Amino acid sequence: MFLRNRRMHSRVLLNADGWIATAAGDAWDPIKALDISKGGFAFVTKENLALDTVRQFRLQMPGGSRLMNFEARVTHCIDLHDTNSYRVGVEYSKVEVADMTTIEWYVDHKDAVKR
């Protein structure tokens, strides 16, 4: 049996600090970004996030001079057993043009990660 990658966009590794809040932008909590694509990104958090919920994000790209702000929808949340944390994947729902340009440049100029 062969498993197909359902992703529409290639991912690249991303070691970056970020923050997550509710859709209203309340109570920002730290996250650690793991990888990023032109469609979304993955991160580790202490919170078990419900699928299809929308959250606000702030992300500091490596070498970037400004903090990116965007909104994204939770597509998966996996319990990382014995670590008290979760691996979460999100899909962008609202991104400013300047921030999307930064993401696209980063993805296009790094080696793609195939998992």
PDB file of N, CA and C in Angstrom:
ATOM      1  N   MET A   1       0.843  -1.177   0.000  1.00  0.00           N
ATOM      2  CA  MET A   1       0.000   0.000   0.000  1.00  0.00           C
ATOM      3  C   MET A   1       0.890   1.243   0.000  1.00  0.00           C
ATOM      4  N   PHE A   2       0.511   2.236  -0.801  1.00  0.00           N
ATOM      5  CA  PHE A   2       1.264   3.482  -0.886  1.00  0.00           C
ATOM      6  C   PHE A   2       0.443   4.609  -0.282  1.00  0.00           C
ATOM      7  N   LEU A   3       1.098   5.420   0.548  1.00  0.00           N
ATOM      8  CA  LEU A   3       0.447   6.590   1.112  1.00  0.00           C
ATOM      9  C   LEU A   3       0.833   7.800   0.278  1.00  0.00           C
ATOM     10  N   ARG A   4      -0.144   8.621  -0.030  1.00  0.00           N
ATOM     11  CA  ARG A   4       0.114   9.807  -0.833  1.00  0.00           C
ATOM     12  C   ARG A   4       0.199  11.033   0.064  1.00  0.00           C
ATOM     13  N   ASN A   5       1.088  11.922  -0.282  1.00  0.00           N
ATOM     14  CA  ASN A   5       1.208  13.188   0.429  1.00  0.00           C
ATOM     15  C   ASN A   5       0.056  14.084  -0.029  1.00  0.00           C
ATOM     16  N   ARG A   6      -0.795  14.487   0.902  1.00  0.00           N
ATOM     17  CA  ARG A   6      -1.955  15.298   0.559  1.00  0.00           C
ATOM     18  C   ARG A   6      -1.629  16.782   0.507  1.00  0.00           C
ATOM     19  N   ARG A   7      -0.422  17.152   0.817  1.00  0.00           N
ATOM     20  CA  ARG A   7      -0.059  18.562   0.831  1.00  0.00           C
ATOM     21  C   ARG A   7       0.029  19.120  -0.584  1.00  0.00           C
ATOM     22  N   MET A   8      -0.442  20.349  -0.727  1.00  0.00           N
ATOM     23  CA  MET A   8      -0.381  21.029  -2.015  1.00  0.00           C
ATOM     24  C   MET A   8       0.919  21.803  -2.175  1.00  0.00           C
ATOM     25  N   HIS A   9       1.620  22.071  -1.065  1.00  0.00           N
ATOM     26  CA  HIS A   9       2.819  22.894  -1.105  1.00  0.00           C
ATOM     27  C   HIS A   9       3.977  22.182  -0.413  1.00  0.00           C
ATOM     28  N   SER A  10       5.175  22.347  -0.963  1.00  0.00           N
ATOM     29  CA  SER A  10       6.380  21.793  -0.344  1.00  0.00           C
ATOM     30  C   SER A  10       6.675  22.527   0.952  1.00  0.00           C
ATOM     31  N   ARG A  11       7.210  21.784   1.924  1.00  0.00           N
ATOM     32  CA  ARG A  11       7.571  22.371   3.213  1.00  0.00           C
ATOM     33  C   ARG A  11       9.079  22.501   3.314  1.00  0.00           C
ATOM     34  N   VAL A  12       9.513  23.479   4.083  1.00  0.00           N
ATOM     35  CA  VAL A  12      10.928  23.624   4.423  1.00  0.00           C
ATOM     36  C   VAL A  12      11.022  23.763   5.931  1.00  0.00           C
ATOM     37  N   LEU A  13      12.141  23.304   6.473  1.00  0.00           N
ATOM     38  CA  LEU A  13      12.346  23.428   7.911  1.00  0.00           C
ATOM     39  C   LEU A  13      12.366  24.890   8.320  1.00  0.00           C
ATOM     40  N   LEU A  14      11.856  25.149   9.493  1.00  0.00           N
ATOM     41  CA  LEU A  14      11.835  26.505  10.015  1.00  0.00           C
ATOM     42  C   LEU A  14      12.036  26.432  11.523  1.00  0.00           C
ATOM     43  N   ASN A  15      13.105  27.013  11.988  1.00  0.00           N
ATOM     44  CA  ASN A  15      13.365  27.090  13.420  1.00  0.00           C
ATOM     45  C   ASN A  15      13.117  28.538  13.812  1.00  0.00           C
ATOM     46  N   ALA A  16      11.888  28.817  14.259  1.00  0.00           N
ATOM     47  CA  ALA A  16      11.523  30.209  14.540  1.00  0.00           C
ATOM     48  C   ALA A  16      10.618  30.282  15.758  1.00  0.00           C
ATOM     49  N   ASP A  17      10.691  31.411  16.422  1.00  0.00           N
ATOM     50  CA  ASP A  17       9.802  31.665  17.543  1.00  0.00           C
ATOM     51  C   ASP A  17       8.522  32.301  17.039  1.00  0.00           C
ATOM     52  N   GLY A  18       7.444  31.987  17.737  1.00  0.00           N
ATOM     53  CA  GLY A  18       6.164  32.559  17.376  1.00  0.00           C
ATOM     54  C   GLY A  18       5.249  32.611  18.580  1.00  0.00           C
ATOM     55  N   TRP A  19       4.038  33.118  18.334  1.00  0.00           N
ATOM     56  CA  TRP A  19       3.039  33.248  19.374  1.00  0.00           C
ATOM     57  C   TRP A  19       1.683  32.960  18.779  1.00  0.00           C
ATOM     58  N   ILE A  20       0.787  32.408  19.597  1.00  0.00           N
ATOM     59  CA  ILE A  20      -0.565  32.071  19.171  1.00  0.00           C
ATOM     60  C   ILE A  20      -1.561  32.701  20.136  1.00  0.00           C
ATOM     61  N   ALA A  21      -2.705  33.117  19.593  1.00  0.00           N
ATOM     62  CA  ALA A  21      -3.790  33.671  20.416  1.00  0.00           C
ATOM     63  C   ALA A  21      -5.113  33.171  19.844  1.00  0.00           C
ATOM     64  N   THR A  22      -6.182  33.463  20.542  1.00  0.00           N
ATOM     65  CA  THR A  22      -7.509  33.154  20.032  1.00  0.00           C
ATOM     66  C   THR A  22      -7.753  33.993  18.776  1.00  0.00           C
ATOM     67  N   ALA A  23      -8.854  33.732  18.094  1.00  0.00           N
ATOM     68  CA  ALA A  23      -9.187  34.505  16.895  1.00  0.00           C
ATOM     69  C   ALA A  23      -9.346  35.991  17.219  1.00  0.00           C
ATOM     70  N   ALA A  24      -9.728  36.299  18.446  1.00  0.00           N
ATOM     71  CA  ALA A  24      -9.889  37.703  18.865  1.00  0.00           C
ATOM     72  C   ALA A  24      -8.560  38.351  19.241  1.00  0.00           C
ATOM     73  N   GLY A  25      -7.489  37.558  19.305  1.00  0.00           N
ATOM     74  CA  GLY A  25      -6.173  38.104  19.640  1.00  0.00           C
ATOM     75  C   GLY A  25      -5.910  38.210  21.121  1.00  0.00           C
ATOM     76  N   ASP A  26      -6.581  37.398  21.917  1.00  0.00           N
ATOM     77  CA  ASP A  26      -6.408  37.416  23.375  1.00  0.00           C
ATOM     78  C   ASP A  26      -5.274  36.488  23.796  1.00  0.00           C
ATOM     79  N   ALA A  27      -4.609  36.819  24.898  1.00  0.00           N
ATOM     80  CA  ALA A  27      -3.663  35.933  25.605  1.00  0.00           C
ATOM     81  C   ALA A  27      -2.669  35.219  24.689  1.00  0.00           C
ATOM     82  N   TRP A  28      -1.652  35.913  24.268  1.00  0.00           N
ATOM     83  CA  TRP A  28      -0.625  35.351  23.382  1.00  0.00           C
ATOM     84  C   TRP A  28       0.265  34.371  24.144  1.00  0.00           C
ATOM     85  N   ASP A  29       0.396  33.150  23.597  1.00  0.00           N
ATOM     86  CA  ASP A  29       1.243  32.104  24.178  1.00  0.00           C
ATOM     87  C   ASP A  29       2.351  31.730  23.200  1.00  0.00           C
ATOM     88  N   PRO A  30       3.544  31.378  23.693  1.00  0.00           N
ATOM     89  CA  PRO A  30       4.655  31.037  22.802  1.00  0.00           C
ATOM     90  C   PRO A  30       4.452  29.705  22.092  1.00  0.00           C
ATOM     91  N   ILE A  31       4.972  29.632  20.858  1.00  0.00           N
ATOM     92  CA  ILE A  31       5.018  28.400  20.077  1.00  0.00           C
ATOM     93  C   ILE A  31       6.401  28.285  19.465  1.00  0.00           C
ATOM     94  N   LYS A  32       6.747  27.117  18.991  1.00  0.00           N
ATOM     95  CA  LYS A  32       8.012  26.898  18.296  1.00  0.00           C
ATOM     96  C   LYS A  32       7.696  26.371  16.903  1.00  0.00           C
ATOM     97  N   ALA A  33       7.993  27.154  15.870  1.00  0.00           N
ATOM     98  CA  ALA A  33       7.729  26.750  14.491  1.00  0.00           C
ATOM     99  C   ALA A  33       8.685  25.633  14.079  1.00  0.00           C
ATOM    100  N   LEU A  34       8.156  24.664  13.315  1.00  0.00           N
ATOM    101  CA  LEU A  34       8.945  23.519  12.866  1.00  0.00           C
ATOM    102  C   LEU A  34       9.216  23.536  11.365  1.00  0.00           C
ATOM    103  N   ASP A  35       8.177  23.824  10.601  1.00  0.00           N
ATOM    104  CA  ASP A  35       8.329  23.915   9.153  1.00  0.00           C
ATOM    105  C   ASP A  35       7.269  24.850   8.600  1.00  0.00           C
ATOM    106  N   ILE A  36       7.471  25.258   7.339  1.00  0.00           N
ATOM    107  CA  ILE A  36       6.574  26.240   6.733  1.00  0.00           C
ATOM    108  C   ILE A  36       6.433  25.946   5.245  1.00  0.00           C
ATOM    109  N   SER A  37       5.289  26.316   4.681  1.00  0.00           N
ATOM    110  CA  SER A  37       5.055  26.205   3.243  1.00  0.00           C
ATOM    111  C   SER A  37       4.270  27.434   2.800  1.00  0.00           C
ATOM    112  N   LYS A  38       3.970  27.486   1.525  1.00  0.00           N
ATOM    113  CA  LYS A  38       3.188  28.598   1.004  1.00  0.00           C
ATOM    114  C   LYS A  38       1.716  28.486   1.398  1.00  0.00           C
ATOM    115  N   GLY A  39       1.327  27.347   1.980  1.00  0.00           N
ATOM    116  CA  GLY A  39      -0.057  27.153   2.375  1.00  0.00           C
ATOM    117  C   GLY A  39      -0.308  27.160   3.866  1.00  0.00           C
ATOM    118  N   GLY A  40       0.763  26.964   4.674  1.00  0.00           N
ATOM    119  CA  GLY A  40       0.584  26.912   6.113  1.00  0.00           C
ATOM    120  C   GLY A  40       1.896  26.599   6.806  1.00  0.00           C
ATOM    121  N   PHE A  41       1.817  26.271   8.095  1.00  0.00           N
ATOM    122  CA  PHE A  41       3.028  25.910   8.810  1.00  0.00           C
ATOM    123  C   PHE A  41       2.698  24.976   9.958  1.00  0.00           C
ATOM    124  N   ALA A  42       3.733  24.352  10.523  1.00  0.00           N
ATOM    125  CA  ALA A  42       3.578  23.440  11.657  1.00  0.00           C
ATOM    126  C   ALA A  42       4.384  23.980  12.825  1.00  0.00           C
ATOM    127  N   PHE A  43       3.894  23.690  14.029  1.00  0.00           N
ATOM    128  CA  PHE A  43       4.547  24.181  15.226  1.00  0.00           C
ATOM    129  C   PHE A  43       4.241  23.267  16.396  1.00  0.00           C
ATOM    130  N   VAL A  44       4.959  23.487  17.490  1.00  0.00           N
ATOM    131  CA  VAL A  44       4.728  22.758  18.733  1.00  0.00           C
ATOM    132  C   VAL A  44       4.170  23.733  19.759  1.00  0.00           C
ATOM    133  N   THR A  45       3.160  23.271  20.487  1.00  0.00           N
ATOM    134  CA  THR A  45       2.530  24.079  21.529  1.00  0.00           C
ATOM    135  C   THR A  45       2.111  23.175  22.688  1.00  0.00           C
ATOM    136  N   LYS A  46       1.856  23.771  23.816  1.00  0.00           N
ATOM    137  CA  LYS A  46       1.393  23.024  24.996  1.00  0.00           C
ATOM    138  C   LYS A  46      -0.118  22.803  24.969  1.00  0.00           C
ATOM    139  N   GLU A  47      -0.820  23.501  24.078  1.00  0.00           N
ATOM    140  CA  GLU A  47      -2.280  23.466  24.046  1.00  0.00           C
ATOM    141  C   GLU A  47      -2.801  22.473  23.007  1.00  0.00           C
ATOM    142  N   ASN A  48      -3.795  21.678  23.399  1.00  0.00           N
ATOM    143  CA  ASN A  48      -4.485  20.780  22.481  1.00  0.00           C
ATOM    144  C   ASN A  48      -5.520  21.608  21.729  1.00  0.00           C
ATOM    145  N   LEU A  49      -5.269  21.864  20.451  1.00  0.00           N
ATOM    146  CA  LEU A  49      -6.124  22.763  19.674  1.00  0.00           C
ATOM    147  C   LEU A  49      -7.188  21.990  18.902  1.00  0.00           C
ATOM    148  N   ALA A  50      -8.405  22.493  18.927  1.00  0.00           N
ATOM    149  CA  ALA A  50      -9.509  21.862  18.210  1.00  0.00           C
ATOM    150  C   ALA A  50      -9.360  22.075  16.707  1.00  0.00           C
ATOM    151  N   LEU A  51      -9.660  21.032  15.937  1.00  0.00           N
ATOM    152  CA  LEU A  51      -9.595  21.122  14.484  1.00  0.00           C
ATOM    153  C   LEU A  51     -10.573  22.169  13.964  1.00  0.00           C
ATOM    154  N   ASP A  52     -10.184  22.816  12.887  1.00  0.00           N
ATOM    155  CA  ASP A  52     -10.986  23.824  12.183  1.00  0.00           C
ATOM    156  C   ASP A  52     -11.191  25.119  12.958  1.00  0.00           C
ATOM    157  N   THR A  53     -10.522  25.279  14.100  1.00  0.00           N
ATOM    158  CA  THR A  53     -10.614  26.564  14.788  1.00  0.00           C
ATOM    159  C   THR A  53      -9.640  27.547  14.137  1.00  0.00           C
ATOM    160  N   VAL A  54      -9.972  28.799  14.200  1.00  0.00           N
ATOM    161  CA  VAL A  54      -9.142  29.856  13.619  1.00  0.00           C
ATOM    162  C   VAL A  54      -8.406  30.547  14.753  1.00  0.00           C
ATOM    163  N   ARG A  55      -7.117  30.777  14.546  1.00  0.00           N
ATOM    164  CA  ARG A  55      -6.264  31.425  15.550  1.00  0.00           C
ATOM    165  C   ARG A  55      -5.457  32.542  14.903  1.00  0.00           C
ATOM    166  N   GLN A  56      -5.017  33.464  15.736  1.00  0.00           N
ATOM    167  CA  GLN A  56      -4.111  34.533  15.324  1.00  0.00           C
ATOM    168  C   GLN A  56      -2.684  34.077  15.619  1.00  0.00           C
ATOM    169  N   PHE A  57      -1.740  34.468  14.762  1.00  0.00           N
ATOM    170  CA  PHE A  57      -0.346  34.097  14.933  1.00  0.00           C
ATOM    171  C   PHE A  57       0.564  35.300  14.725  1.00  0.00           C
ATOM    172  N   ARG A  58       1.675  35.271  15.444  1.00  0.00           N
ATOM    173  CA  ARG A  58       2.796  36.181  15.219  1.00  0.00           C
ATOM    174  C   ARG A  58       4.000  35.290  15.041  1.00  0.00           C
ATOM    175  N   LEU A  59       4.797  35.580  14.033  1.00  0.00           N
ATOM    176  CA  LEU A  59       5.942  34.734  13.721  1.00  0.00           C
ATOM    177  C   LEU A  59       7.140  35.596  13.348  1.00  0.00           C
ATOM    178  N   GLN A  60       8.277  35.271  13.942  1.00  0.00           N
ATOM    179  CA  GLN A  60       9.529  35.967  13.645  1.00  0.00           C
ATOM    180  C   GLN A  60      10.364  35.060  12.751  1.00  0.00           C
ATOM    181  N   MET A  61      10.441  35.381  11.467  1.00  0.00           N
ATOM    182  CA  MET A  61      11.223  34.579  10.526  1.00  0.00           C
ATOM    183  C   MET A  61      12.707  34.784  10.799  1.00  0.00           C
ATOM    184  N   PRO A  62      13.523  33.753  10.585  1.00  0.00           N
ATOM    185  CA  PRO A  62      14.973  33.897  10.773  1.00  0.00           C
ATOM    186  C   PRO A  62      15.519  35.034   9.913  1.00  0.00           C
ATOM    187  N   GLY A  63      16.255  35.920  10.516  1.00  0.00           N
ATOM    188  CA  GLY A  63      16.838  37.037   9.787  1.00  0.00           C
ATOM    189  C   GLY A  63      15.853  38.151   9.463  1.00  0.00           C
ATOM    190  N   GLY A  64      14.579  37.951   9.803  1.00  0.00           N
ATOM    191  CA  GLY A  64      13.562  38.952   9.503  1.00  0.00           C
ATOM    192  C   GLY A  64      13.615  40.099  10.490  1.00  0.00           C
ATOM    193  N   SER A  65      13.297  41.285  10.007  1.00  0.00           N
ATOM    194  CA  SER A  65      13.353  42.462  10.869  1.00  0.00           C
ATOM    195  C   SER A  65      11.994  42.812  11.462  1.00  0.00           C
ATOM    196  N   ARG A  66      10.935  42.197  10.942  1.00  0.00           N
ATOM    197  CA  ARG A  66       9.622  42.520  11.479  1.00  0.00           C
ATOM    198  C   ARG A  66       8.851  41.274  11.853  1.00  0.00           C
ATOM    199  N   LEU A  67       7.925  41.437  12.754  1.00  0.00           N
ATOM    200  CA  LEU A  67       7.078  40.353  13.223  1.00  0.00           C
ATOM    201  C   LEU A  67       5.898  40.211  12.274  1.00  0.00           C
ATOM    202  N   MET A  68       5.713  39.013  11.723  1.00  0.00           N
ATOM    203  CA  MET A  68       4.585  38.771  10.830  1.00  0.00           C
ATOM    204  C   MET A  68       3.345  38.454  11.662  1.00  0.00           C
ATOM    205  N   ASN A  69       2.194  38.947  11.228  1.00  0.00           N
ATOM    206  CA  ASN A  69       0.908  38.675  11.877  1.00  0.00           C
ATOM    207  C   ASN A  69      -0.023  38.069  10.846  1.00  0.00           C
ATOM    208  N   PHE A  70      -0.683  36.965  11.202  1.00  0.00           N
ATOM    209  CA  PHE A  70      -1.643  36.375  10.281  1.00  0.00           C
ATOM    210  C   PHE A  70      -2.644  35.506  11.026  1.00  0.00           C
ATOM    211  N   GLU A  71      -3.646  35.063  10.289  1.00  0.00           N
ATOM    212  CA  GLU A  71      -4.701  34.208  10.826  1.00  0.00           C
ATOM    213  C   GLU A  71      -4.618  32.870  10.094  1.00  0.00           C
ATOM    214  N   ALA A  72      -4.859  31.783  10.817  1.00  0.00           N
ATOM    215  CA  ALA A  72      -4.792  30.460  10.203  1.00  0.00           C
ATOM    216  C   ALA A  72      -5.770  29.507  10.881  1.00  0.00           C
ATOM    217  N   ARG A  73      -6.145  28.457  10.134  1.00  0.00           N
ATOM    218  CA  ARG A  73      -7.093  27.447  10.595  1.00  0.00           C
ATOM    219  C   ARG A  73      -6.349  26.168  10.948  1.00  0.00           C
ATOM    220  N   VAL A  74      -6.671  25.569  12.089  1.00  0.00           N
ATOM    221  CA  VAL A  74      -6.024  24.332  12.544  1.00  0.00           C
ATOM    222  C   VAL A  74      -6.486  23.168  11.671  1.00  0.00           C
ATOM    223  N   THR A  75      -5.519  22.473  11.049  1.00  0.00           N
ATOM    224  CA  THR A  75      -5.841  21.324  10.191  1.00  0.00           C
ATOM    225  C   THR A  75      -5.515  19.994  10.848  1.00  0.00           C
ATOM    226  N   HIS A  76      -4.568  19.984  11.770  1.00  0.00           N
ATOM    227  CA  HIS A  76      -4.298  18.773  12.553  1.00  0.00           C
ATOM    228  C   HIS A  76      -3.607  19.132  13.865  1.00  0.00           C
ATOM    229  N   CYS A  77      -3.797  18.255  14.841  1.00  0.00           N
ATOM    230  CA  CYS A  77      -3.196  18.436  16.158  1.00  0.00           C
ATOM    231  C   CYS A  77      -2.870  17.040  16.689  1.00  0.00           C
ATOM    232  N   ILE A  78      -1.580  16.763  16.830  1.00  0.00           N
ATOM    233  CA  ILE A  78      -1.118  15.428  17.213  1.00  0.00           C
ATOM    234  C   ILE A  78      -0.460  15.483  18.581  1.00  0.00           C
ATOM    235  N   ASP A  79      -0.906  14.627  19.471  1.00  0.00           N
ATOM    236  CA  ASP A  79      -0.340  14.522  20.819  1.00  0.00           C
ATOM    237  C   ASP A  79       1.066  13.935  20.727  1.00  0.00           C
ATOM    238  N   LEU A  80       2.046  14.654  21.219  1.00  0.00           N
ATOM    239  CA  LEU A  80       3.424  14.157  21.273  1.00  0.00           C
ATOM    240  C   LEU A  80       3.600  13.501  22.638  1.00  0.00           C
ATOM    241  N   HIS A  81       3.216  12.261  22.718  1.00  0.00           N
ATOM    242  CA  HIS A  81       3.157  11.514  23.978  1.00  0.00           C
ATOM    243  C   HIS A  81       4.392  11.729  24.842  1.00  0.00           C
ATOM    244  N   ASP A  82       4.165  11.828  26.133  1.00  0.00           N
ATOM    245  CA  ASP A  82       5.197  11.982  27.149  1.00  0.00           C
ATOM    246  C   ASP A  82       5.960  13.300  27.075  1.00  0.00           C
ATOM    247  N   THR A  83       5.461  14.271  26.305  1.00  0.00           N
ATOM    248  CA  THR A  83       6.143  15.568  26.222  1.00  0.00           C
ATOM    249  C   THR A  83       5.257  16.715  26.707  1.00  0.00           C
ATOM    250  N   ASN A  84       4.005  16.423  26.982  1.00  0.00           N
ATOM    251  CA  ASN A  84       3.036  17.453  27.354  1.00  0.00           C
ATOM    252  C   ASN A  84       2.933  18.549  26.307  1.00  0.00           C
ATOM    253  N   SER A  85       3.052  18.161  25.033  1.00  0.00           N
ATOM    254  CA  SER A  85       2.924  19.135  23.957  1.00  0.00           C
ATOM    255  C   SER A  85       2.275  18.480  22.737  1.00  0.00           C
ATOM    256  N   TYR A  86       1.948  19.329  21.760  1.00  0.00           N
ATOM    257  CA  TYR A  86       1.243  18.893  20.553  1.00  0.00           C
ATOM    258  C   TYR A  86       1.920  19.470  19.315  1.00  0.00           C
ATOM    259  N   ARG A  87       1.933  18.674  18.264  1.00  0.00           N
ATOM    260  CA  ARG A  87       2.382  19.153  16.952  1.00  0.00           C
ATOM    261  C   ARG A  87       1.129  19.563  16.189  1.00  0.00           C
ATOM    262  N   VAL A  88       1.099  20.815  15.770  1.00  0.00           N
ATOM    263  CA  VAL A  88      -0.091  21.374  15.137  1.00  0.00           C
ATOM    264  C   VAL A  88       0.253  21.860  13.739  1.00  0.00           C
ATOM    265  N   GLY A  89      -0.653  21.615  12.811  1.00  0.00           N
ATOM    266  CA  GLY A  89      -0.538  22.145  11.461  1.00  0.00           C
ATOM    267  C   GLY A  89      -1.677  23.106  11.203  1.00  0.00           C
ATOM    268  N   VAL A  90      -1.363  24.213  10.547  1.00  0.00           N
ATOM    269  CA  VAL A  90      -2.390  25.209  10.232  1.00  0.00           C
ATOM    270  C   VAL A  90      -2.294  25.619   8.770  1.00  0.00           C
ATOM    271  N   GLU A  91      -3.427  26.095   8.262  1.00  0.00           N
ATOM    272  CA  GLU A  91      -3.524  26.606   6.900  1.00  0.00           C
ATOM    273  C   GLU A  91      -3.856  28.093   6.987  1.00  0.00           C
ATOM    274  N   TYR A  92      -3.088  28.918   6.270  1.00  0.00           N
ATOM    275  CA  TYR A  92      -3.327  30.361   6.314  1.00  0.00           C
ATOM    276  C   TYR A  92      -4.739  30.694   5.848  1.00  0.00           C
ATOM    277  N   SER A  93      -5.384  31.625   6.541  1.00  0.00           N
ATOM    278  CA  SER A  93      -6.689  32.107   6.092  1.00  0.00           C
ATOM    279  C   SER A  93      -6.662  33.615   5.809  1.00  0.00           C
ATOM    280  N   LYS A  94      -5.823  34.356   6.536  1.00  0.00           N
ATOM    281  CA  LYS A  94      -5.634  35.795   6.282  1.00  0.00           C
ATOM    282  C   LYS A  94      -4.163  36.128   6.474  1.00  0.00           C
ATOM    283  N   VAL A  95      -3.536  36.569   5.395  1.00  0.00           N
ATOM    284  CA  VAL A  95      -2.117  36.944   5.449  1.00  0.00           C
ATOM    285  C   VAL A  95      -1.941  38.223   4.642  1.00  0.00           C
ATOM    286  N   GLU A  96      -1.245  39.199   5.210  1.00  0.00           N
ATOM    287  CA  GLU A  96      -0.955  40.418   4.458  1.00  0.00           C
ATOM    288  C   GLU A  96      -0.019  40.089   3.298  1.00  0.00           C
ATOM    289  N   VAL A  97      -0.126  40.858   2.227  1.00  0.00           N
ATOM    290  CA  VAL A  97       0.677  40.625   1.032  1.00  0.00           C
ATOM    291  C   VAL A  97       2.169  40.625   1.354  1.00  0.00           C
ATOM    292  N   ALA A  98       2.632  41.570   2.155  1.00  0.00           N
ATOM    293  CA  ALA A  98       4.060  41.649   2.496  1.00  0.00           C
ATOM    294  C   ALA A  98       4.517  40.394   3.241  1.00  0.00           C
ATOM    295  N   ASP A  99       3.670  39.872   4.128  1.00  0.00           N
ATOM    296  CA  ASP A  99       4.033  38.671   4.876  1.00  0.00           C
ATOM    297  C   ASP A  99       4.027  37.440   3.981  1.00  0.00           C
ATOM    298  N   MET A 100       3.060  37.342   3.056  1.00  0.00           N
ATOM    299  CA  MET A 100       3.031  36.213   2.132  1.00  0.00           C
ATOM    300  C   MET A 100       4.246  36.246   1.216  1.00  0.00           C
ATOM    301  N   THR A 101       4.651  37.426   0.815  1.00  0.00           N
ATOM    302  CA  THR A 101       5.849  37.569  -0.014  1.00  0.00           C
ATOM    303  C   THR A 101       7.080  37.066   0.744  1.00  0.00           C
ATOM    304  N   THR A 102       7.181  37.388   2.027  1.00  0.00           N
ATOM    305  CA  THR A 102       8.288  36.915   2.863  1.00  0.00           C
ATOM    306  C   THR A 102       8.272  35.397   2.968  1.00  0.00           C
ATOM    307  N   ILE A 103       7.101  34.823   3.199  1.00  0.00           N
ATOM    308  CA  ILE A 103       6.970  33.361   3.302  1.00  0.00           C
ATOM    309  C   ILE A 103       7.363  32.699   1.987  1.00  0.00           C
ATOM    310  N   GLU A 104       6.858  33.201   0.874  1.00  0.00           N
ATOM    311  CA  GLU A 104       7.171  32.626  -0.439  1.00  0.00           C
ATOM    312  C   GLU A 104       8.667  32.694  -0.730  1.00  0.00           C
ATOM    313  N   TRP A 105       9.287  33.833  -0.421  1.00  0.00           N
ATOM    314  CA  TRP A 105      10.721  33.961  -0.650  1.00  0.00           C
ATOM    315  C   TRP A 105      11.475  32.926   0.180  1.00  0.00           C
ATOM    316  N   TYR A 106      11.120  32.786   1.448  1.00  0.00           N
ATOM    317  CA  TYR A 106      11.797  31.839   2.341  1.00  0.00           C
ATOM    318  C   TYR A 106      11.664  30.409   1.816  1.00  0.00           C
ATOM    319  N   VAL A 107      10.459  30.029   1.441  1.00  0.00           N
ATOM    320  CA  VAL A 107      10.221  28.670   0.938  1.00  0.00           C
ATOM    321  C   VAL A 107      10.983  28.426  -0.363  1.00  0.00           C
ATOM    322  N   ASP A 108      10.986  29.407  -1.255  1.00  0.00           N
ATOM    323  CA  ASP A 108      11.651  29.244  -2.554  1.00  0.00           C
ATOM    324  C   ASP A 108      13.170  29.219  -2.458  1.00  0.00           C
ATOM    325  N   HIS A 109      13.724  29.710  -1.360  1.00  0.00           N
ATOM    326  CA  HIS A 109      15.176  29.799  -1.244  1.00  0.00           C
ATOM    327  C   HIS A 109      15.765  28.833  -0.226  1.00  0.00           C
ATOM    328  N   LYS A 110      15.004  27.853   0.197  1.00  0.00           N
ATOM    329  CA  LYS A 110      15.484  26.805   1.099  1.00  0.00           C
ATOM    330  C   LYS A 110      15.264  25.462   0.430  1.00  0.00           C
ATOM    331  N   ASP A 111      15.998  24.466   0.869  1.00  0.00           N
ATOM    332  CA  ASP A 111      15.790  23.119   0.334  1.00  0.00           C
ATOM    333  C   ASP A 111      14.485  22.557   0.862  1.00  0.00           C
ATOM    334  N   ALA A 112      13.665  21.985  -0.008  1.00  0.00           N
ATOM    335  CA  ALA A 112      12.375  21.413   0.404  1.00  0.00           C
ATOM    336  C   ALA A 112      12.610  20.190   1.296  1.00  0.00           C
ATOM    337  N   VAL A 113      11.749  20.050   2.278  1.00  0.00           N
ATOM    338  CA  VAL A 113      11.792  18.918   3.203  1.00  0.00           C
ATOM    339  C   VAL A 113      10.656  17.979   2.838  1.00  0.00           C
ATOM    340  N   LYS A 114      10.975  16.749   2.527  1.00  0.00           N
ATOM    341  CA  LYS A 114       9.942  15.773   2.205  1.00  0.00           C
ATOM    342  C   LYS A 114       9.843  14.795   3.349  1.00  0.00           C
ATOM    343  N   ARG A 115       8.635  14.713   3.906  1.00  0.00           N
ATOM    344  CA  ARG A 115       8.414  13.786   5.028  1.00  0.00           C
ATOM    345  C   ARG A 115       7.430  12.740   4.657  1.00  0.00           C
TER     346      ARG A 115
END
